[in-house]
Amino acid sequence: MSRELLAAQQAELLRALLAGAPTPAGFDDARIRAQARALLSKRGRVTWRLRPDLADSLGDRFGPLFAEYAAGHPKAVGVRARQDAEQFALWLVAQGHLAPPRRAWWRLLLS
């Protein structure tokens, strides 16, 4: 198997696990979906720990809103968990789920 082919297959598997792409041929769809849910849950827990203020503000809406955010915003290579949590907070404000913070420094994040 060539390196290029292996790299393409690995990328296809990662898209299925992290970005909701179809399960690649040769893999069990149920297992891939279960693992994708586990990875999404882990990402949400990390965000919850980094930004408990969001969890407090959103209450029971945190999980569904994070899943909606994550579906449209797969975590990119090189993006650290804290950056991902901040991007989630910005998304919540942009979508109207939270009011923007009153501090002026928040506006710097948008530029």
C-alpha atoms as a PDB file:
ATOM      1  CA  MET A   1       0.000   0.000   0.000  1.00  0.00           C
ATOM      2  CA  SER A   2       1.418   3.390  -0.945  1.00  0.00           C
ATOM      3  CA  ARG A   3       1.841   6.150   1.593  1.00  0.00           C
ATOM      4  CA  GLU A   4      -0.471   8.382  -0.412  1.00  0.00           C
ATOM      5  CA  LEU A   5      -3.252   5.810  -0.363  1.00  0.00           C
ATOM      6  CA  LEU A   6      -2.796   5.194   3.354  1.00  0.00           C
ATOM      7  CA  ALA A   7      -2.836   8.935   4.047  1.00  0.00           C
ATOM      8  CA  ALA A   8      -6.042   9.320   2.034  1.00  0.00           C
ATOM      9  CA  GLN A   9      -7.714   6.463   3.912  1.00  0.00           C
ATOM     10  CA  GLN A  10      -6.651   7.911   7.260  1.00  0.00           C
ATOM     11  CA  ALA A  11      -8.025  11.326   6.294  1.00  0.00           C
ATOM     12  CA  GLU A  12     -11.318   9.714   5.270  1.00  0.00           C
ATOM     13  CA  LEU A  13     -11.534   7.942   8.629  1.00  0.00           C
ATOM     14  CA  LEU A  14     -10.780  11.160  10.526  1.00  0.00           C
ATOM     15  CA  ARG A  15     -13.497  13.015   8.605  1.00  0.00           C
ATOM     16  CA  ALA A  16     -15.956  10.293   9.608  1.00  0.00           C
ATOM     17  CA  LEU A  17     -14.911  10.472  13.252  1.00  0.00           C
ATOM     18  CA  LEU A  18     -14.619  14.228  13.627  1.00  0.00           C
ATOM     19  CA  ALA A  19     -16.695  15.892  10.947  1.00  0.00           C
ATOM     20  CA  GLY A  20     -19.705  13.644  10.363  1.00  0.00           C
ATOM     21  CA  ALA A  21     -18.555  12.347   6.983  1.00  0.00           C
ATOM     22  CA  PRO A  22     -19.778   8.938   5.784  1.00  0.00           C
ATOM     23  CA  THR A  23     -18.114   5.856   7.223  1.00  0.00           C
ATOM     24  CA  PRO A  24     -15.318   4.657   4.934  1.00  0.00           C
ATOM     25  CA  ALA A  25     -15.631   1.291   3.226  1.00  0.00           C
ATOM     26  CA  GLY A  26     -14.411  -1.580   5.361  1.00  0.00           C
ATOM     27  CA  PHE A  27     -15.411  -0.029   8.701  1.00  0.00           C
ATOM     28  CA  ASP A  28     -18.395  -0.834  10.871  1.00  0.00           C
ATOM     29  CA  ASP A  29     -20.733   2.162  10.660  1.00  0.00           C
ATOM     30  CA  ALA A  30     -22.213   1.630  14.137  1.00  0.00           C
ATOM     31  CA  ARG A  31     -18.778   1.521  15.740  1.00  0.00           C
ATOM     32  CA  ILE A  32     -17.554   4.602  13.885  1.00  0.00           C
ATOM     33  CA  ARG A  33     -20.681   6.536  14.906  1.00  0.00           C
ATOM     34  CA  ALA A  34     -20.276   5.398  18.533  1.00  0.00           C
ATOM     35  CA  GLN A  35     -16.662   6.523  18.568  1.00  0.00           C
ATOM     36  CA  ALA A  36     -17.608   9.833  16.923  1.00  0.00           C
ATOM     37  CA  ARG A  37     -20.190  10.434  19.684  1.00  0.00           C
ATOM     38  CA  ALA A  38     -17.577   9.607  22.337  1.00  0.00           C
ATOM     39  CA  LEU A  39     -15.097  12.062  20.814  1.00  0.00           C
ATOM     40  CA  LEU A  40     -17.762  14.776  20.616  1.00  0.00           C
ATOM     41  CA  SER A  41     -18.682  14.130  24.241  1.00  0.00           C
ATOM     42  CA  LYS A  42     -15.039  14.409  25.287  1.00  0.00           C
ATOM     43  CA  ARG A  43     -14.626  17.673  23.389  1.00  0.00           C
ATOM     44  CA  GLY A  44     -17.756  19.021  25.072  1.00  0.00           C
ATOM     45  CA  ARG A  45     -16.537  17.997  28.541  1.00  0.00           C
ATOM     46  CA  VAL A  46     -13.209  19.728  27.962  1.00  0.00           C
ATOM     47  CA  THR A  47     -15.017  22.883  26.846  1.00  0.00           C
ATOM     48  CA  TRP A  48     -17.308  22.676  29.869  1.00  0.00           C
ATOM     49  CA  ARG A  49     -14.283  22.448  32.192  1.00  0.00           C
ATOM     50  CA  LEU A  50     -12.504  25.332  30.490  1.00  0.00           C
ATOM     51  CA  ARG A  51     -15.598  27.569  30.370  1.00  0.00           C
ATOM     52  CA  PRO A  52     -17.897  26.615  33.260  1.00  0.00           C
ATOM     53  CA  ASP A  53     -19.502  30.042  32.881  1.00  0.00           C
ATOM     54  CA  LEU A  54     -20.964  28.897  29.575  1.00  0.00           C
ATOM     55  CA  ALA A  55     -22.338  25.740  31.138  1.00  0.00           C
ATOM     56  CA  ASP A  56     -23.847  27.789  33.968  1.00  0.00           C
ATOM     57  CA  SER A  57     -25.424  30.268  31.563  1.00  0.00           C
ATOM     58  CA  LEU A  58     -26.791  27.646  29.182  1.00  0.00           C
ATOM     59  CA  GLY A  59     -27.858  24.969  31.658  1.00  0.00           C
ATOM     60  CA  ASP A  60     -29.431  21.992  29.857  1.00  0.00           C
ATOM     61  CA  ARG A  61     -28.902  23.709  26.506  1.00  0.00           C
ATOM     62  CA  PHE A  62     -25.098  23.365  26.745  1.00  0.00           C
ATOM     63  CA  GLY A  63     -24.901  19.833  25.331  1.00  0.00           C
ATOM     64  CA  PRO A  64     -27.235  20.298  22.354  1.00  0.00           C
ATOM     65  CA  LEU A  65     -25.758  23.698  21.491  1.00  0.00           C
ATOM     66  CA  PHE A  66     -22.215  22.372  21.707  1.00  0.00           C
ATOM     67  CA  ALA A  67     -23.163  19.476  19.431  1.00  0.00           C
ATOM     68  CA  GLU A  68     -24.650  21.948  16.941  1.00  0.00           C
ATOM     69  CA  TYR A  69     -21.509  24.096  17.092  1.00  0.00           C
ATOM     70  CA  ALA A  70     -19.179  21.113  16.739  1.00  0.00           C
ATOM     71  CA  ALA A  71     -21.102  19.752  13.740  1.00  0.00           C
ATOM     72  CA  GLY A  72     -20.376  22.940  11.835  1.00  0.00           C
ATOM     73  CA  HIS A  73     -16.945  23.559  13.309  1.00  0.00           C
ATOM     74  CA  PRO A  74     -14.764  20.450  13.383  1.00  0.00           C
ATOM     75  CA  LYS A  75     -11.711  21.074  15.508  1.00  0.00           C
ATOM     76  CA  ALA A  76      -8.873  21.989  13.172  1.00  0.00           C
ATOM     77  CA  VAL A  77      -5.314  20.748  13.422  1.00  0.00           C
ATOM     78  CA  GLY A  78      -3.317  22.976  15.746  1.00  0.00           C
ATOM     79  CA  VAL A  79      -6.350  24.454  17.523  1.00  0.00           C
ATOM     80  CA  ARG A  80      -5.927  24.039  21.239  1.00  0.00           C
ATOM     81  CA  ALA A  81      -8.821  23.219  23.544  1.00  0.00           C
ATOM     82  CA  ARG A  82      -8.886  26.699  25.084  1.00  0.00           C
ATOM     83  CA  GLN A  83      -9.120  28.269  21.614  1.00  0.00           C
ATOM     84  CA  ASP A  84     -11.927  25.878  20.726  1.00  0.00           C
ATOM     85  CA  ALA A  85     -13.801  26.842  23.898  1.00  0.00           C
ATOM     86  CA  GLU A  86     -13.397  30.538  23.087  1.00  0.00           C
ATOM     87  CA  GLN A  87     -14.633  29.969  19.537  1.00  0.00           C
ATOM     88  CA  PHE A  88     -17.679  28.200  20.980  1.00  0.00           C
ATOM     89  CA  ALA A  89     -18.351  31.226  23.199  1.00  0.00           C
ATOM     90  CA  LEU A  90     -18.086  33.568  20.198  1.00  0.00           C
ATOM     91  CA  TRP A  91     -20.418  31.302  18.220  1.00  0.00           C
ATOM     92  CA  LEU A  92     -22.969  31.374  21.050  1.00  0.00           C
ATOM     93  CA  VAL A  93     -22.960  35.176  21.014  1.00  0.00           C
ATOM     94  CA  ALA A  94     -23.123  35.333  17.204  1.00  0.00           C
ATOM     95  CA  GLN A  95     -26.103  32.931  17.196  1.00  0.00           C
ATOM     96  CA  GLY A  96     -27.906  34.946  19.866  1.00  0.00           C
ATOM     97  CA  HIS A  97     -27.745  32.280  22.573  1.00  0.00           C
ATOM     98  CA  LEU A  98     -25.722  34.525  24.888  1.00  0.00           C
ATOM     99  CA  ALA A  99     -25.362  38.264  25.285  1.00  0.00           C
ATOM    100  CA  PRO A 100     -21.902  39.632  24.512  1.00  0.00           C
ATOM    101  CA  PRO A 101     -19.706  40.219  27.546  1.00  0.00           C
ATOM    102  CA  ARG A 102     -19.593  43.808  28.746  1.00  0.00           C
ATOM    103  CA  ARG A 103     -15.801  43.992  28.821  1.00  0.00           C
ATOM    104  CA  ALA A 104     -14.189  45.863  25.941  1.00  0.00           C
ATOM    105  CA  TRP A 105     -11.472  43.197  25.491  1.00  0.00           C
ATOM    106  CA  TRP A 106     -14.113  40.841  24.116  1.00  0.00           C
ATOM    107  CA  ARG A 107     -14.310  42.901  20.931  1.00  0.00           C
ATOM    108  CA  LEU A 108     -10.632  42.186  20.268  1.00  0.00           C
ATOM    109  CA  LEU A 109     -11.460  38.508  19.850  1.00  0.00           C
ATOM    110  CA  LEU A 110     -13.655  39.298  16.866  1.00  0.00           C
ATOM    111  CA  SER A 111     -10.914  41.015  14.880  1.00  0.00           C
END
